[in-house]
Amino acid sequence: WSHFGSNIPDWYDSMHYNNSLSPFY
């Protein structure tokens, strides 16, 4: 699986750096 949409303007709300256990880290 590949994370989709990070390069699309206004697709997501925020970058997740707080929790290394998150799938969105």
mmCIF file of all heavy atoms, coordinates in Angstrom:
data_MODEL
# 
_entry.id   MODEL 
# 
loop_
_atom_site.group_PDB 
_atom_site.id 
_atom_site.type_symbol 
_atom_site.label_atom_id 
_atom_site.label_alt_id 
_atom_site.label_comp_id 
_atom_site.label_asym_id 
_atom_site.label_entity_id 
_atom_site.label_seq_id 
_atom_site.pdbx_PDB_ins_code 
_atom_site.Cartn_x 
_atom_site.Cartn_y 
_atom_site.Cartn_z 
_atom_site.occupancy 
_atom_site.B_iso_or_equiv 
_atom_site.pdbx_formal_charge 
_atom_site.auth_seq_id 
_atom_site.auth_comp_id 
_atom_site.auth_asym_id 
_atom_site.auth_atom_id 
_atom_site.pdbx_PDB_model_num 
ATOM 1   N N   . TRP A 1 1  ? 0.829  -1.199 0.000  1.00 0.00 ? 1  TRP A N   1 
ATOM 2   C CA  . TRP A 1 1  ? 0.000  0.000  0.000  1.00 0.00 ? 1  TRP A CA  1 
ATOM 3   C C   . TRP A 1 1  ? 0.866  1.252  0.000  1.00 0.00 ? 1  TRP A C   1 
ATOM 4   O O   . TRP A 1 1  ? 1.910  1.284  0.652  1.00 0.00 ? 1  TRP A O   1 
ATOM 5   C CB  . TRP A 1 1  ? -0.907 0.018  1.229  1.00 0.00 ? 1  TRP A CB  1 
ATOM 6   C CG  . TRP A 1 1  ? -1.921 -1.084 1.220  1.00 0.00 ? 1  TRP A CG  1 
ATOM 7   C CD1 . TRP A 1 1  ? -1.777 -2.335 1.741  1.00 0.00 ? 1  TRP A CD1 1 
ATOM 8   C CD2 . TRP A 1 1  ? -3.215 -1.030 0.626  1.00 0.00 ? 1  TRP A CD2 1 
ATOM 9   N NE1 . TRP A 1 1  ? -2.915 -3.073 1.520  1.00 0.00 ? 1  TRP A NE1 1 
ATOM 10  C CE2 . TRP A 1 1  ? -3.812 -2.301 0.841  1.00 0.00 ? 1  TRP A CE2 1 
ATOM 11  C CE3 . TRP A 1 1  ? -3.928 -0.046 -0.059 1.00 0.00 ? 1  TRP A CE3 1 
ATOM 12  C CZ2 . TRP A 1 1  ? -5.095 -2.593 0.387  1.00 0.00 ? 1  TRP A CZ2 1 
ATOM 13  C CZ3 . TRP A 1 1  ? -5.202 -0.337 -0.501 1.00 0.00 ? 1  TRP A CZ3 1 
ATOM 14  C CH2 . TRP A 1 1  ? -5.775 -1.594 -0.281 1.00 0.00 ? 1  TRP A CH2 1 
ATOM 15  N N   . SER A 1 2  ? 0.398  2.278  -0.713 1.00 0.00 ? 2  SER A N   1 
ATOM 16  C CA  . SER A 1 2  ? 1.106  3.558  -0.778 1.00 0.00 ? 2  SER A CA  1 
ATOM 17  C C   . SER A 1 2  ? 0.190  4.672  -0.286 1.00 0.00 ? 2  SER A C   1 
ATOM 18  O O   . SER A 1 2  ? -0.977 4.747  -0.683 1.00 0.00 ? 2  SER A O   1 
ATOM 19  C CB  . SER A 1 2  ? 1.539  3.866  -2.222 1.00 0.00 ? 2  SER A CB  1 
ATOM 20  O OG  . SER A 1 2  ? 2.417  2.877  -2.712 1.00 0.00 ? 2  SER A OG  1 
ATOM 21  N N   . HIS A 1 3  ? 0.729  5.509  0.592  1.00 0.00 ? 3  HIS A N   1 
ATOM 22  C CA  . HIS A 1 3  ? -0.012 6.681  1.060  1.00 0.00 ? 3  HIS A CA  1 
ATOM 23  C C   . HIS A 1 3  ? -0.279 7.597  -0.126 1.00 0.00 ? 3  HIS A C   1 
ATOM 24  O O   . HIS A 1 3  ? 0.616  7.897  -0.911 1.00 0.00 ? 3  HIS A O   1 
ATOM 25  C CB  . HIS A 1 3  ? 0.814  7.397  2.126  1.00 0.00 ? 3  HIS A CB  1 
ATOM 26  C CG  . HIS A 1 3  ? 0.122  8.546  2.771  1.00 0.00 ? 3  HIS A CG  1 
ATOM 27  N ND1 . HIS A 1 3  ? 0.406  9.852  2.450  1.00 0.00 ? 3  HIS A ND1 1 
ATOM 28  C CD2 . HIS A 1 3  ? -0.837 8.603  3.737  1.00 0.00 ? 3  HIS A CD2 1 
ATOM 29  C CE1 . HIS A 1 3  ? -0.333 10.661 3.181  1.00 0.00 ? 3  HIS A CE1 1 
ATOM 30  N NE2 . HIS A 1 3  ? -1.092 9.928  3.973  1.00 0.00 ? 3  HIS A NE2 1 
ATOM 31  N N   . PHE A 1 4  ? -1.521 8.044  -0.262 1.00 0.00 ? 4  PHE A N   1 
ATOM 32  C CA  . PHE A 1 4  ? -1.922 8.814  -1.445 1.00 0.00 ? 4  PHE A CA  1 
ATOM 33  C C   . PHE A 1 4  ? -2.301 10.238 -1.068 1.00 0.00 ? 4  PHE A C   1 
ATOM 34  O O   . PHE A 1 4  ? -2.955 10.471 -0.055 1.00 0.00 ? 4  PHE A O   1 
ATOM 35  C CB  . PHE A 1 4  ? -3.126 8.154  -2.123 1.00 0.00 ? 4  PHE A CB  1 
ATOM 36  C CG  . PHE A 1 4  ? -3.633 8.906  -3.328 1.00 0.00 ? 4  PHE A CG  1 
ATOM 37  C CD1 . PHE A 1 4  ? -3.028 8.744  -4.563 1.00 0.00 ? 4  PHE A CD1 1 
ATOM 38  C CD2 . PHE A 1 4  ? -4.691 9.788  -3.211 1.00 0.00 ? 4  PHE A CD2 1 
ATOM 39  C CE1 . PHE A 1 4  ? -3.478 9.446  -5.669 1.00 0.00 ? 4  PHE A CE1 1 
ATOM 40  C CE2 . PHE A 1 4  ? -5.153 10.500 -4.316 1.00 0.00 ? 4  PHE A CE2 1 
ATOM 41  C CZ  . PHE A 1 4  ? -4.543 10.328 -5.544 1.00 0.00 ? 4  PHE A CZ  1 
ATOM 42  N N   . GLY A 1 5  ? -1.868 11.199 -1.910 1.00 0.00 ? 5  GLY A N   1 
ATOM 43  C CA  . GLY A 1 5  ? -2.399 12.548 -1.863 1.00 0.00 ? 5  GLY A CA  1 
ATOM 44  C C   . GLY A 1 5  ? -1.545 13.602 -1.201 1.00 0.00 ? 5  GLY A C   1 
ATOM 45  O O   . GLY A 1 5  ? -1.945 14.771 -1.170 1.00 0.00 ? 5  GLY A O   1 
ATOM 46  N N   . SER A 1 6  ? -0.387 13.254 -0.658 1.00 0.00 ? 6  SER A N   1 
ATOM 47  C CA  . SER A 1 6  ? 0.417  14.249 0.048  1.00 0.00 ? 6  SER A CA  1 
ATOM 48  C C   . SER A 1 6  ? 0.862  15.397 -0.846 1.00 0.00 ? 6  SER A C   1 
ATOM 49  O O   . SER A 1 6  ? 1.103  16.512 -0.367 1.00 0.00 ? 6  SER A O   1 
ATOM 50  C CB  . SER A 1 6  ? 1.648  13.581 0.682  1.00 0.00 ? 6  SER A CB  1 
ATOM 51  O OG  . SER A 1 6  ? 1.277  12.738 1.741  1.00 0.00 ? 6  SER A OG  1 
ATOM 52  N N   . ASN A 1 7  ? 0.985  15.123 -2.149 1.00 0.00 ? 7  ASN A N   1 
ATOM 53  C CA  . ASN A 1 7  ? 1.445  16.157 -3.081 1.00 0.00 ? 7  ASN A CA  1 
ATOM 54  C C   . ASN A 1 7  ? 0.297  16.946 -3.691 1.00 0.00 ? 7  ASN A C   1 
ATOM 55  O O   . ASN A 1 7  ? 0.521  17.805 -4.550 1.00 0.00 ? 7  ASN A O   1 
ATOM 56  C CB  . ASN A 1 7  ? 2.275  15.523 -4.199 1.00 0.00 ? 7  ASN A CB  1 
ATOM 57  C CG  . ASN A 1 7  ? 1.479  14.512 -5.018 1.00 0.00 ? 7  ASN A CG  1 
ATOM 58  O OD1 . ASN A 1 7  ? 0.507  13.942 -4.521 1.00 0.00 ? 7  ASN A OD1 1 
ATOM 59  N ND2 . ASN A 1 7  ? 1.883  14.286 -6.257 1.00 0.00 ? 7  ASN A ND2 1 
ATOM 60  N N   . ILE A 1 8  ? -0.939 16.690 -3.268 1.00 0.00 ? 8  ILE A N   1 
ATOM 61  C CA  . ILE A 1 8  ? -2.096 17.394 -3.816 1.00 0.00 ? 8  ILE A CA  1 
ATOM 62  C C   . ILE A 1 8  ? -2.448 18.553 -2.885 1.00 0.00 ? 8  ILE A C   1 
ATOM 63  O O   . ILE A 1 8  ? -2.705 18.343 -1.696 1.00 0.00 ? 8  ILE A O   1 
ATOM 64  C CB  . ILE A 1 8  ? -3.311 16.453 -3.948 1.00 0.00 ? 8  ILE A CB  1 
ATOM 65  C CG1 . ILE A 1 8  ? -2.962 15.270 -4.849 1.00 0.00 ? 8  ILE A CG1 1 
ATOM 66  C CG2 . ILE A 1 8  ? -4.519 17.208 -4.490 1.00 0.00 ? 8  ILE A CG2 1 
ATOM 67  C CD1 . ILE A 1 8  ? -4.058 14.242 -4.938 1.00 0.00 ? 8  ILE A CD1 1 
ATOM 68  N N   . PRO A 1 9  ? -2.453 19.789 -3.386 1.00 0.00 ? 9  PRO A N   1 
ATOM 69  C CA  . PRO A 1 9  ? -2.764 20.939 -2.522 1.00 0.00 ? 9  PRO A CA  1 
ATOM 70  C C   . PRO A 1 9  ? -4.135 20.795 -1.852 1.00 0.00 ? 9  PRO A C   1 
ATOM 71  O O   . PRO A 1 9  ? -5.120 20.417 -2.494 1.00 0.00 ? 9  PRO A O   1 
ATOM 72  C CB  . PRO A 1 9  ? -2.744 22.123 -3.500 1.00 0.00 ? 9  PRO A CB  1 
ATOM 73  C CG  . PRO A 1 9  ? -1.863 21.672 -4.626 1.00 0.00 ? 9  PRO A CG  1 
ATOM 74  C CD  . PRO A 1 9  ? -2.118 20.198 -4.761 1.00 0.00 ? 9  PRO A CD  1 
ATOM 75  N N   . ASP A 1 10 ? -4.178 21.089 -0.553 1.00 0.00 ? 10 ASP A N   1 
ATOM 76  C CA  . ASP A 1 10 ? -5.416 21.091 0.237  1.00 0.00 ? 10 ASP A CA  1 
ATOM 77  C C   . ASP A 1 10 ? -6.086 19.722 0.325  1.00 0.00 ? 10 ASP A C   1 
ATOM 78  O O   . ASP A 1 10 ? -7.272 19.631 0.669  1.00 0.00 ? 10 ASP A O   1 
ATOM 79  C CB  . ASP A 1 10 ? -6.418 22.109 -0.332 1.00 0.00 ? 10 ASP A CB  1 
ATOM 80  C CG  . ASP A 1 10 ? -5.895 23.528 -0.285 1.00 0.00 ? 10 ASP A CG  1 
ATOM 81  O OD1 . ASP A 1 10 ? -5.204 23.868 0.694  1.00 0.00 ? 10 ASP A OD1 1 
ATOM 82  O OD2 . ASP A 1 10 ? -6.147 24.284 -1.239 1.00 0.00 ? 10 ASP A OD2 1 
ATOM 83  N N   . TRP A 1 11 ? -5.349 18.653 0.060  1.00 0.00 ? 11 TRP A N   1 
ATOM 84  C CA  . TRP A 1 11 ? -5.937 17.319 0.165  1.00 0.00 ? 11 TRP A CA  1 
ATOM 85  C C   . TRP A 1 11 ? -6.037 16.899 1.634  1.00 0.00 ? 11 TRP A C   1 
ATOM 86  O O   . TRP A 1 11 ? -7.058 16.406 2.075  1.00 0.00 ? 11 TRP A O   1 
ATOM 87  C CB  . TRP A 1 11 ? -5.091 16.324 -0.628 1.00 0.00 ? 11 TRP A CB  1 
ATOM 88  C CG  . TRP A 1 11 ? -5.605 14.923 -0.637 1.00 0.00 ? 11 TRP A CG  1 
ATOM 89  C CD1 . TRP A 1 11 ? -5.209 13.892 0.174  1.00 0.00 ? 11 TRP A CD1 1 
ATOM 90  C CD2 . TRP A 1 11 ? -6.608 14.381 -1.501 1.00 0.00 ? 11 TRP A CD2 1 
ATOM 91  N NE1 . TRP A 1 11 ? -5.890 12.742 -0.134 1.00 0.00 ? 11 TRP A NE1 1 
ATOM 92  C CE2 . TRP A 1 11 ? -6.763 13.013 -1.172 1.00 0.00 ? 11 TRP A CE2 1 
ATOM 93  C CE3 . TRP A 1 11 ? -7.385 14.911 -2.538 1.00 0.00 ? 11 TRP A CE3 1 
ATOM 94  C CZ2 . TRP A 1 11 ? -7.661 12.177 -1.817 1.00 0.00 ? 11 TRP A CZ2 1 
ATOM 95  C CZ3 . TRP A 1 11 ? -8.279 14.083 -3.190 1.00 0.00 ? 11 TRP A CZ3 1 
ATOM 96  C CH2 . TRP A 1 11 ? -8.417 12.728 -2.831 1.00 0.00 ? 11 TRP A CH2 1 
ATOM 97  N N   . TYR A 1 12 ? -4.955 17.096 2.387  1.00 0.00 ? 12 TYR A N   1 
ATOM 98  C CA  . TYR A 1 12 ? -4.927 16.751 3.803  1.00 0.00 ? 12 TYR A CA  1 
ATOM 99  C C   . TYR A 1 12 ? -4.894 18.005 4.670  1.00 0.00 ? 12 TYR A C   1 
ATOM 100 O O   . TYR A 1 12 ? -4.753 19.124 4.165  1.00 0.00 ? 12 TYR A O   1 
ATOM 101 C CB  . TYR A 1 12 ? -3.715 15.877 4.123  1.00 0.00 ? 12 TYR A CB  1 
ATOM 102 C CG  . TYR A 1 12 ? -3.825 14.468 3.597  1.00 0.00 ? 12 TYR A CG  1 
ATOM 103 C CD1 . TYR A 1 12 ? -2.965 14.006 2.587  1.00 0.00 ? 12 TYR A CD1 1 
ATOM 104 C CD2 . TYR A 1 12 ? -4.766 13.579 4.108  1.00 0.00 ? 12 TYR A CD2 1 
ATOM 105 C CE1 . TYR A 1 12 ? -3.061 12.706 2.102  1.00 0.00 ? 12 TYR A CE1 1 
ATOM 106 C CE2 . TYR A 1 12 ? -4.856 12.281 3.632  1.00 0.00 ? 12 TYR A CE2 1 
ATOM 107 C CZ  . TYR A 1 12 ? -4.016 11.850 2.630  1.00 0.00 ? 12 TYR A CZ  1 
ATOM 108 O OH  . TYR A 1 12 ? -4.108 10.566 2.160  1.00 0.00 ? 12 TYR A OH  1 
ATOM 109 N N   . ASP A 1 13 ? -5.001 17.790 6.003  1.00 0.00 ? 13 ASP A N   1 
ATOM 110 C CA  . ASP A 1 13 ? -5.051 18.907 6.941  1.00 0.00 ? 13 ASP A CA  1 
ATOM 111 C C   . ASP A 1 13 ? -3.722 19.190 7.625  1.00 0.00 ? 13 ASP A C   1 
ATOM 112 O O   . ASP A 1 13 ? -3.363 20.353 7.817  1.00 0.00 ? 13 ASP A O   1 
ATOM 113 C CB  . ASP A 1 13 ? -6.109 18.629 8.023  1.00 0.00 ? 13 ASP A CB  1 
ATOM 114 C CG  . ASP A 1 13 ? -7.517 18.565 7.460  1.00 0.00 ? 13 ASP A CG  1 
ATOM 115 O OD1 . ASP A 1 13 ? -7.878 19.457 6.678  1.00 0.00 ? 13 ASP A OD1 1 
ATOM 116 O OD2 . ASP A 1 13 ? -8.242 17.611 7.793  1.00 0.00 ? 13 ASP A OD2 1 
ATOM 117 N N   . SER A 1 14 ? -2.998 18.159 8.052  1.00 0.00 ? 14 SER A N   1 
ATOM 118 C CA  . SER A 1 14 ? -1.794 18.413 8.841  1.00 0.00 ? 14 SER A CA  1 
ATOM 119 C C   . SER A 1 14 ? -0.791 17.281 8.703  1.00 0.00 ? 14 SER A C   1 
ATOM 120 O O   . SER A 1 14 ? -1.144 16.149 8.367  1.00 0.00 ? 14 SER A O   1 
ATOM 121 C CB  . SER A 1 14 ? -2.146 18.617 10.321 1.00 0.00 ? 14 SER A CB  1 
ATOM 122 O OG  . SER A 1 14 ? -2.665 17.423 10.878 1.00 0.00 ? 14 SER A OG  1 
ATOM 123 N N   . MET A 1 15 ? 0.471  17.608 8.977  1.00 0.00 ? 15 MET A N   1 
ATOM 124 C CA  . MET A 1 15 ? 1.547  16.617 9.012  1.00 0.00 ? 15 MET A CA  1 
ATOM 125 C C   . MET A 1 15 ? 1.595  15.998 10.411 1.00 0.00 ? 15 MET A C   1 
ATOM 126 O O   . MET A 1 15 ? 1.470  16.698 11.409 1.00 0.00 ? 15 MET A O   1 
ATOM 127 C CB  . MET A 1 15 ? 2.884  17.277 8.678  1.00 0.00 ? 15 MET A CB  1 
ATOM 128 C CG  . MET A 1 15 ? 4.065  16.334 8.706  1.00 0.00 ? 15 MET A CG  1 
ATOM 129 S SD  . MET A 1 15 ? 4.061  15.129 7.352  1.00 0.00 ? 15 MET A SD  1 
ATOM 130 C CE  . MET A 1 15 ? 4.490  16.187 5.966  1.00 0.00 ? 15 MET A CE  1 
ATOM 131 N N   . HIS A 1 16 ? 1.785  14.684 10.477 1.00 0.00 ? 16 HIS A N   1 
ATOM 132 C CA  . HIS A 1 16 ? 1.817  13.992 11.764 1.00 0.00 ? 16 HIS A CA  1 
ATOM 133 C C   . HIS A 1 16 ? 3.248  13.573 12.112 1.00 0.00 ? 16 HIS A C   1 
ATOM 134 O O   . HIS A 1 16 ? 3.815  12.681 11.487 1.00 0.00 ? 16 HIS A O   1 
ATOM 135 C CB  . HIS A 1 16 ? 0.903  12.769 11.719 1.00 0.00 ? 16 HIS A CB  1 
ATOM 136 C CG  . HIS A 1 16 ? -0.541 13.112 11.862 1.00 0.00 ? 16 HIS A CG  1 
ATOM 137 N ND1 . HIS A 1 16 ? -1.441 12.319 12.538 1.00 0.00 ? 16 HIS A ND1 1 
ATOM 138 C CD2 . HIS A 1 16 ? -1.253 14.185 11.433 1.00 0.00 ? 16 HIS A CD2 1 
ATOM 139 C CE1 . HIS A 1 16 ? -2.641 12.886 12.513 1.00 0.00 ? 16 HIS A CE1 1 
ATOM 140 N NE2 . HIS A 1 16 ? -2.545 14.008 11.830 1.00 0.00 ? 16 HIS A NE2 1 
ATOM 141 N N   . TYR A 1 17 ? 3.806  14.254 13.123 1.00 0.00 ? 17 TYR A N   1 
ATOM 142 C CA  . TYR A 1 17 ? 5.150  13.949 13.604 1.00 0.00 ? 17 TYR A CA  1 
ATOM 143 C C   . TYR A 1 17 ? 5.155  13.559 15.082 1.00 0.00 ? 17 TYR A C   1 
ATOM 144 O O   . TYR A 1 17 ? 6.199  13.230 15.633 1.00 0.00 ? 17 TYR A O   1 
ATOM 145 C CB  . TYR A 1 17 ? 6.057  15.172 13.443 1.00 0.00 ? 17 TYR A CB  1 
ATOM 146 C CG  . TYR A 1 17 ? 6.542  15.421 12.035 1.00 0.00 ? 17 TYR A CG  1 
ATOM 147 C CD1 . TYR A 1 17 ? 6.355  16.656 11.434 1.00 0.00 ? 17 TYR A CD1 1 
ATOM 148 C CD2 . TYR A 1 17 ? 7.194  14.426 11.312 1.00 0.00 ? 17 TYR A CD2 1 
ATOM 149 C CE1 . TYR A 1 17 ? 6.817  16.895 10.138 1.00 0.00 ? 17 TYR A CE1 1 
ATOM 150 C CE2 . TYR A 1 17 ? 7.642  14.652 10.022 1.00 0.00 ? 17 TYR A CE2 1 
ATOM 151 C CZ  . TYR A 1 17 ? 7.455  15.889 9.448  1.00 0.00 ? 17 TYR A CZ  1 
ATOM 152 O OH  . TYR A 1 17 ? 7.905  16.126 8.172  1.00 0.00 ? 17 TYR A OH  1 
ATOM 153 N N   . ASN A 1 18 ? 4.002  13.600 15.744 1.00 0.00 ? 18 ASN A N   1 
ATOM 154 C CA  . ASN A 1 18 ? 3.987  13.473 17.200 1.00 0.00 ? 18 ASN A CA  1 
ATOM 155 C C   . ASN A 1 18 ? 4.111  12.042 17.706 1.00 0.00 ? 18 ASN A C   1 
ATOM 156 O O   . ASN A 1 18 ? 4.647  11.821 18.786 1.00 0.00 ? 18 ASN A O   1 
ATOM 157 C CB  . ASN A 1 18 ? 2.695  14.088 17.763 1.00 0.00 ? 18 ASN A CB  1 
ATOM 158 C CG  . ASN A 1 18 ? 2.614  15.582 17.504 1.00 0.00 ? 18 ASN A CG  1 
ATOM 159 O OD1 . ASN A 1 18 ? 3.635  16.263 17.501 1.00 0.00 ? 18 ASN A OD1 1 
ATOM 160 N ND2 . ASN A 1 18 ? 1.414  16.087 17.272 1.00 0.00 ? 18 ASN A ND2 1 
ATOM 161 N N   . ASN A 1 19 ? 3.587  11.077 16.963 1.00 0.00 ? 19 ASN A N   1 
ATOM 162 C CA  . ASN A 1 19 ? 3.502  9.707  17.464 1.00 0.00 ? 19 ASN A CA  1 
ATOM 163 C C   . ASN A 1 19 ? 4.137  8.746  16.468 1.00 0.00 ? 19 ASN A C   1 
ATOM 164 O O   . ASN A 1 19 ? 3.586  8.506  15.396 1.00 0.00 ? 19 ASN A O   1 
ATOM 165 C CB  . ASN A 1 19 ? 2.031  9.341  17.698 1.00 0.00 ? 19 ASN A CB  1 
ATOM 166 C CG  . ASN A 1 19 ? 1.851  7.988  18.353 1.00 0.00 ? 19 ASN A CG  1 
ATOM 167 O OD1 . ASN A 1 19 ? 2.795  7.222  18.514 1.00 0.00 ? 19 ASN A OD1 1 
ATOM 168 N ND2 . ASN A 1 19 ? 0.613  7.686  18.739 1.00 0.00 ? 19 ASN A ND2 1 
ATOM 169 N N   . SER A 1 20 ? 5.268  8.165  16.830 1.00 0.00 ? 20 SER A N   1 
ATOM 170 C CA  . SER A 1 20 ? 5.972  7.264  15.916 1.00 0.00 ? 20 SER A CA  1 
ATOM 171 C C   . SER A 1 20 ? 5.219  5.956  15.691 1.00 0.00 ? 20 SER A C   1 
ATOM 172 O O   . SER A 1 20 ? 5.546  5.199  14.780 1.00 0.00 ? 20 SER A O   1 
ATOM 173 C CB  . SER A 1 20 ? 7.380  6.967  16.443 1.00 0.00 ? 20 SER A CB  1 
ATOM 174 O OG  . SER A 1 20 ? 7.313  6.321  17.703 1.00 0.00 ? 20 SER A OG  1 
ATOM 175 N N   . LEU A 1 21 ? 4.201  5.660  16.525 1.00 0.00 ? 21 LEU A N   1 
ATOM 176 C CA  . LEU A 1 21 ? 3.415  4.450  16.370 1.00 0.00 ? 21 LEU A CA  1 
ATOM 177 C C   . LEU A 1 21 ? 2.238  4.644  15.411 1.00 0.00 ? 21 LEU A C   1 
ATOM 178 O O   . LEU A 1 21 ? 1.559  3.677  15.061 1.00 0.00 ? 21 LEU A O   1 
ATOM 179 C CB  . LEU A 1 21 ? 2.884  3.986  17.733 1.00 0.00 ? 21 LEU A CB  1 
ATOM 180 C CG  . LEU A 1 21 ? 3.944  3.643  18.784 1.00 0.00 ? 21 LEU A CG  1 
ATOM 181 C CD1 . LEU A 1 21 ? 3.273  3.228  20.081 1.00 0.00 ? 21 LEU A CD1 1 
ATOM 182 C CD2 . LEU A 1 21 ? 4.873  2.549  18.282 1.00 0.00 ? 21 LEU A CD2 1 
ATOM 183 N N   . SER A 1 22 ? 2.007  5.859  14.991 1.00 0.00 ? 22 SER A N   1 
ATOM 184 C CA  . SER A 1 22 ? 0.890  6.155  14.089 1.00 0.00 ? 22 SER A CA  1 
ATOM 185 C C   . SER A 1 22 ? 1.213  5.708  12.667 1.00 0.00 ? 22 SER A C   1 
ATOM 186 O O   . SER A 1 22 ? 2.341  5.863  12.203 1.00 0.00 ? 22 SER A O   1 
ATOM 187 C CB  . SER A 1 22 ? 0.600  7.657  14.084 1.00 0.00 ? 22 SER A CB  1 
ATOM 188 O OG  . SER A 1 22 ? -0.303 7.992  13.039 1.00 0.00 ? 22 SER A OG  1 
ATOM 189 N N   . PRO A 1 23 ? 0.227  5.160  11.934 1.00 0.00 ? 23 PRO A N   1 
ATOM 190 C CA  . PRO A 1 23 ? 0.456  4.833  10.517 1.00 0.00 ? 23 PRO A CA  1 
ATOM 191 C C   . PRO A 1 23 ? 0.663  6.072  9.664  1.00 0.00 ? 23 PRO A C   1 
ATOM 192 O O   . PRO A 1 23 ? 1.099  5.957  8.521  1.00 0.00 ? 23 PRO A O   1 
ATOM 193 C CB  . PRO A 1 23 ? -0.826 4.096  10.116 1.00 0.00 ? 23 PRO A CB  1 
ATOM 194 C CG  . PRO A 1 23 ? -1.862 4.594  11.065 1.00 0.00 ? 23 PRO A CG  1 
ATOM 195 C CD  . PRO A 1 23 ? -1.138 4.830  12.362 1.00 0.00 ? 23 PRO A CD  1 
ATOM 196 N N   . PHE A 1 24 ? 0.384  7.245  10.232 1.00 0.00 ? 24 PHE A N   1 
ATOM 197 C CA  . PHE A 1 24 ? 0.586  8.509  9.514  1.00 0.00 ? 24 PHE A CA  1 
ATOM 198 C C   . PHE A 1 24 ? 1.844  9.238  9.961  1.00 0.00 ? 24 PHE A C   1 
ATOM 199 O O   . PHE A 1 24 ? 2.056  10.391 9.582  1.00 0.00 ? 24 PHE A O   1 
ATOM 200 C CB  . PHE A 1 24 ? -0.633 9.423  9.715  1.00 0.00 ? 24 PHE A CB  1 
ATOM 201 C CG  . PHE A 1 24 ? -1.929 8.801  9.312  1.00 0.00 ? 24 PHE A CG  1 
ATOM 202 C CD1 . PHE A 1 24 ? -2.913 8.542  10.257 1.00 0.00 ? 24 PHE A CD1 1 
ATOM 203 C CD2 . PHE A 1 24 ? -2.164 8.448  8.001  1.00 0.00 ? 24 PHE A CD2 1 
ATOM 204 C CE1 . PHE A 1 24 ? -4.106 7.958  9.886  1.00 0.00 ? 24 PHE A CE1 1 
ATOM 205 C CE2 . PHE A 1 24 ? -3.355 7.855  7.620  1.00 0.00 ? 24 PHE A CE2 1 
ATOM 206 C CZ  . PHE A 1 24 ? -4.332 7.606  8.567  1.00 0.00 ? 24 PHE A CZ  1 
ATOM 207 N N   . TYR A 1 25 ? 2.686  8.589  10.757 1.00 0.00 ? 25 TYR A N   1 
ATOM 208 C CA  . TYR A 1 25 ? 3.895  9.247  11.242 1.00 0.00 ? 25 TYR A CA  1 
ATOM 209 C C   . TYR A 1 25 ? 4.758  9.689  10.060 1.00 0.00 ? 25 TYR A C   1 
ATOM 210 O O   . TYR A 1 25 ? 5.116  8.891  9.199  1.00 0.00 ? 25 TYR A O   1 
ATOM 211 C CB  . TYR A 1 25 ? 4.688  8.306  12.139 1.00 0.00 ? 25 TYR A CB  1 
ATOM 212 C CG  . TYR A 1 25 ? 5.933  8.926  12.734 1.00 0.00 ? 25 TYR A CG  1 
ATOM 213 C CD1 . TYR A 1 25 ? 5.849  9.943  13.675 1.00 0.00 ? 25 TYR A CD1 1 
ATOM 214 C CD2 . TYR A 1 25 ? 7.197  8.483  12.344 1.00 0.00 ? 25 TYR A CD2 1 
ATOM 215 C CE1 . TYR A 1 25 ? 6.986  10.502 14.229 1.00 0.00 ? 25 TYR A CE1 1 
ATOM 216 C CE2 . TYR A 1 25 ? 8.343  9.043  12.896 1.00 0.00 ? 25 TYR A CE2 1 
ATOM 217 C CZ  . TYR A 1 25 ? 8.240  10.055 13.827 1.00 0.00 ? 25 TYR A CZ  1 
ATOM 218 O OH  . TYR A 1 25 ? 9.362  10.621 14.368 1.00 0.00 ? 25 TYR A OH  1 
# 
